[in-house]
Amino acid sequence: MSNVFIALQTNEESRHIVEALLEDNPTAVVDEQPAMVKINVPGSLVLRRTTVEEKMGRPFDLQEMQVNLITLSGHVDEDEDEFRLSWND
């Protein structure tokens, strides 16, 4: 099974996104660098809007993540409630 990953800038807003990613993906592995945080997950990754909103304490549009996004690996599937990365076998 191949890993998917997402890398975000290291800042206060992305900290909440990373917390949400770790909650939504229990098999995630965090790789913290000085200017970025990379989250590796075997197979597929999901980020739920509701989880980010709980962490931030405010409404969150998943498109806001794009401001802090550095790179990602996997096929993207997203709607208003979830952002998903996976590899289609």
C-alpha atoms as a PDB file:
ATOM      1  CA  MET A   1       0.000   0.000   0.000  1.00  0.00           C
ATOM      2  CA  SER A   2       1.394   3.396  -0.976  1.00  0.00           C
ATOM      3  CA  ASN A   3       1.392   6.429   1.271  1.00  0.00           C
ATOM      4  CA  VAL A   4      -0.377   9.662   0.476  1.00  0.00           C
ATOM      5  CA  PHE A   5       0.848  12.877   2.030  1.00  0.00           C
ATOM      6  CA  ILE A   6       0.065  16.514   2.526  1.00  0.00           C
ATOM      7  CA  ALA A   7       2.546  19.214   3.537  1.00  0.00           C
ATOM      8  CA  LEU A   8       1.448  22.483   5.127  1.00  0.00           C
ATOM      9  CA  GLN A   9       3.283  25.617   6.202  1.00  0.00           C
ATOM     10  CA  THR A  10       4.109  25.753   9.889  1.00  0.00           C
ATOM     11  CA  ASN A  11       1.888  28.482  11.364  1.00  0.00           C
ATOM     12  CA  GLU A  12      -0.932  28.924  13.857  1.00  0.00           C
ATOM     13  CA  GLU A  13      -3.764  28.248  11.395  1.00  0.00           C
ATOM     14  CA  SER A  14      -2.204  25.107   9.947  1.00  0.00           C
ATOM     15  CA  ARG A  15      -1.575  23.803  13.494  1.00  0.00           C
ATOM     16  CA  HIS A  16      -5.350  23.320  13.824  1.00  0.00           C
ATOM     17  CA  ILE A  17      -5.508  21.600  10.437  1.00  0.00           C
ATOM     18  CA  VAL A  18      -2.709  19.222  11.452  1.00  0.00           C
ATOM     19  CA  GLU A  19      -4.509  18.438  14.729  1.00  0.00           C
ATOM     20  CA  ALA A  20      -7.662  17.668  12.744  1.00  0.00           C
ATOM     21  CA  LEU A  21      -5.742  15.489  10.282  1.00  0.00           C
ATOM     22  CA  LEU A  22      -4.249  13.475  13.127  1.00  0.00           C
ATOM     23  CA  GLU A  23      -7.666  13.001  14.717  1.00  0.00           C
ATOM     24  CA  ASP A  24      -9.300  11.992  11.422  1.00  0.00           C
ATOM     25  CA  ASN A  25      -6.399   9.666  10.422  1.00  0.00           C
ATOM     26  CA  PRO A  26      -5.178   7.533  13.332  1.00  0.00           C
ATOM     27  CA  THR A  27      -2.452   5.882  11.205  1.00  0.00           C
ATOM     28  CA  ALA A  28      -0.924   9.230  10.194  1.00  0.00           C
ATOM     29  CA  VAL A  29       2.792   9.864  10.715  1.00  0.00           C
ATOM     30  CA  VAL A  30       3.946  13.441  11.301  1.00  0.00           C
ATOM     31  CA  ASP A  31       7.211  14.759   9.855  1.00  0.00           C
ATOM     32  CA  GLU A  32       7.839  18.215  11.362  1.00  0.00           C
ATOM     33  CA  GLN A  33      10.358  20.472   9.628  1.00  0.00           C
ATOM     34  CA  PRO A  34      11.322  24.067  10.485  1.00  0.00           C
ATOM     35  CA  ALA A  35       8.947  25.606   7.920  1.00  0.00           C
ATOM     36  CA  MET A  36       6.486  22.796   7.177  1.00  0.00           C
ATOM     37  CA  VAL A  37       4.613  19.849   8.582  1.00  0.00           C
ATOM     38  CA  LYS A  38       4.225  16.773   6.380  1.00  0.00           C
ATOM     39  CA  ILE A  39       1.534  14.203   7.190  1.00  0.00           C
ATOM     40  CA  ASN A  40       2.045  10.720   5.688  1.00  0.00           C
ATOM     41  CA  VAL A  41      -0.834   8.239   5.726  1.00  0.00           C
ATOM     42  CA  PRO A  42      -0.924   4.706   4.304  1.00  0.00           C
ATOM     43  CA  GLY A  43      -3.528   4.338   1.547  1.00  0.00           C
ATOM     44  CA  SER A  44      -5.783   7.348   2.022  1.00  0.00           C
ATOM     45  CA  LEU A  45      -6.222  10.519   4.049  1.00  0.00           C
ATOM     46  CA  VAL A  46      -9.335  12.469   4.989  1.00  0.00           C
ATOM     47  CA  LEU A  47      -9.765  15.951   6.432  1.00  0.00           C
ATOM     48  CA  ARG A  48     -13.250  16.727   7.736  1.00  0.00           C
ATOM     49  CA  ARG A  49     -14.494  20.311   7.876  1.00  0.00           C
ATOM     50  CA  THR A  50     -16.278  19.649  11.169  1.00  0.00           C
ATOM     51  CA  THR A  51     -13.081  18.420  12.828  1.00  0.00           C
ATOM     52  CA  VAL A  52     -11.162  21.540  11.747  1.00  0.00           C
ATOM     53  CA  GLU A  53     -14.009  23.741  12.981  1.00  0.00           C
ATOM     54  CA  GLU A  54     -13.860  22.030  16.399  1.00  0.00           C
ATOM     55  CA  LYS A  55     -10.107  22.679  16.601  1.00  0.00           C
ATOM     56  CA  MET A  56     -10.321  26.291  15.380  1.00  0.00           C
ATOM     57  CA  GLY A  57     -13.482  27.255  17.219  1.00  0.00           C
ATOM     58  CA  ARG A  58     -14.922  28.933  14.136  1.00  0.00           C
ATOM     59  CA  PRO A  59     -16.501  28.067  10.783  1.00  0.00           C
ATOM     60  CA  PHE A  60     -13.967  26.758   8.258  1.00  0.00           C
ATOM     61  CA  ASP A  61     -14.203  26.428   4.488  1.00  0.00           C
ATOM     62  CA  LEU A  62     -11.924  23.600   3.311  1.00  0.00           C
ATOM     63  CA  GLN A  63     -10.718  25.870   0.485  1.00  0.00           C
ATOM     64  CA  GLU A  64      -8.977  27.979   3.161  1.00  0.00           C
ATOM     65  CA  MET A  65      -6.460  25.148   3.517  1.00  0.00           C
ATOM     66  CA  GLN A  66      -5.037  26.058   0.078  1.00  0.00           C
ATOM     67  CA  VAL A  67      -3.389  29.173   1.554  1.00  0.00           C
ATOM     68  CA  ASN A  68      -1.195  26.998   3.806  1.00  0.00           C
ATOM     69  CA  LEU A  69      -0.726  24.067   1.407  1.00  0.00           C
ATOM     70  CA  ILE A  70       2.809  23.421   0.143  1.00  0.00           C
ATOM     71  CA  THR A  71       2.353  20.122  -1.703  1.00  0.00           C
ATOM     72  CA  LEU A  72       0.461  16.843  -1.672  1.00  0.00           C
ATOM     73  CA  SER A  73       0.641  13.370  -3.145  1.00  0.00           C
ATOM     74  CA  GLY A  74      -2.401  11.371  -4.184  1.00  0.00           C
ATOM     75  CA  HIS A  75      -5.642  11.793  -6.067  1.00  0.00           C
ATOM     76  CA  VAL A  76      -7.761  14.612  -4.656  1.00  0.00           C
ATOM     77  CA  ASP A  77     -11.490  14.216  -4.049  1.00  0.00           C
ATOM     78  CA  GLU A  78     -13.196  17.022  -2.188  1.00  0.00           C
ATOM     79  CA  ASP A  79     -16.563  18.510  -1.433  1.00  0.00           C
ATOM     80  CA  GLU A  80     -17.821  21.034   1.123  1.00  0.00           C
ATOM     81  CA  ASP A  81     -17.440  18.593   4.018  1.00  0.00           C
ATOM     82  CA  GLU A  82     -14.348  16.484   3.264  1.00  0.00           C
ATOM     83  CA  PHE A  83     -10.978  16.676   1.547  1.00  0.00           C
ATOM     84  CA  ARG A  84      -9.638  13.213   0.593  1.00  0.00           C
ATOM     85  CA  LEU A  85      -6.339  11.951  -0.827  1.00  0.00           C
ATOM     86  CA  SER A  86      -5.930   8.395  -2.079  1.00  0.00           C
ATOM     87  CA  TRP A  87      -4.228   6.237  -4.672  1.00  0.00           C
ATOM     88  CA  ASN A  88      -6.542   4.475  -7.091  1.00  0.00           C
ATOM     89  CA  ASP A  89      -5.231   0.948  -7.641  1.00  0.00           C
END
